[in-house]
């Protein structure tokens, strides 16, 4: 499995349908993708929506779990503990993802990068990448750590190799 997509949810039943529709589209054509849906203590019908979604796609690698509220970081860490993919991609419940982004991650997995950085498109259709790293350039681990700490932008535009967190 090349990728685990980890998505935290908190009272998201009203705002996650677009993302779940996209996940339906991508899982039907990509059996090597794992999707981990973490309900972070929602008080609405989010968990019911997630389990219904998981059950509607029995052929897909989808895990839906509910936990006490720990915040988005705690939900991501819970998903990370369950992840089986070589890479993990953290996406929020109100984000949108594309098949092009998945294809980009998949084609770069073989390089064993610590993370795969890619552009995102803002709500006004402008590509965003603030890392300032030239595509395909090499950085040593110390420099990568500095770049991440000084210029880190939302994790939705990075897939991390699981070993990076160990």
Foldseek 3Di string as FASTA:
>chain_A
DAEEEAEEDAQCPPAQPQALVQVVVVQVPDQLYAYEYEYQQHPDCVLVVQVVSCVVCVSHRYHYDYDHHPPPVVSVVVSLVVDDHQKYAYDYRNDHDDPVLVVQSVVCSVVVDQKDFDWDADPVGDTDDFLPDDPPDDDDPVVVVVSCVPGNDDRNRMIGGSVNVD
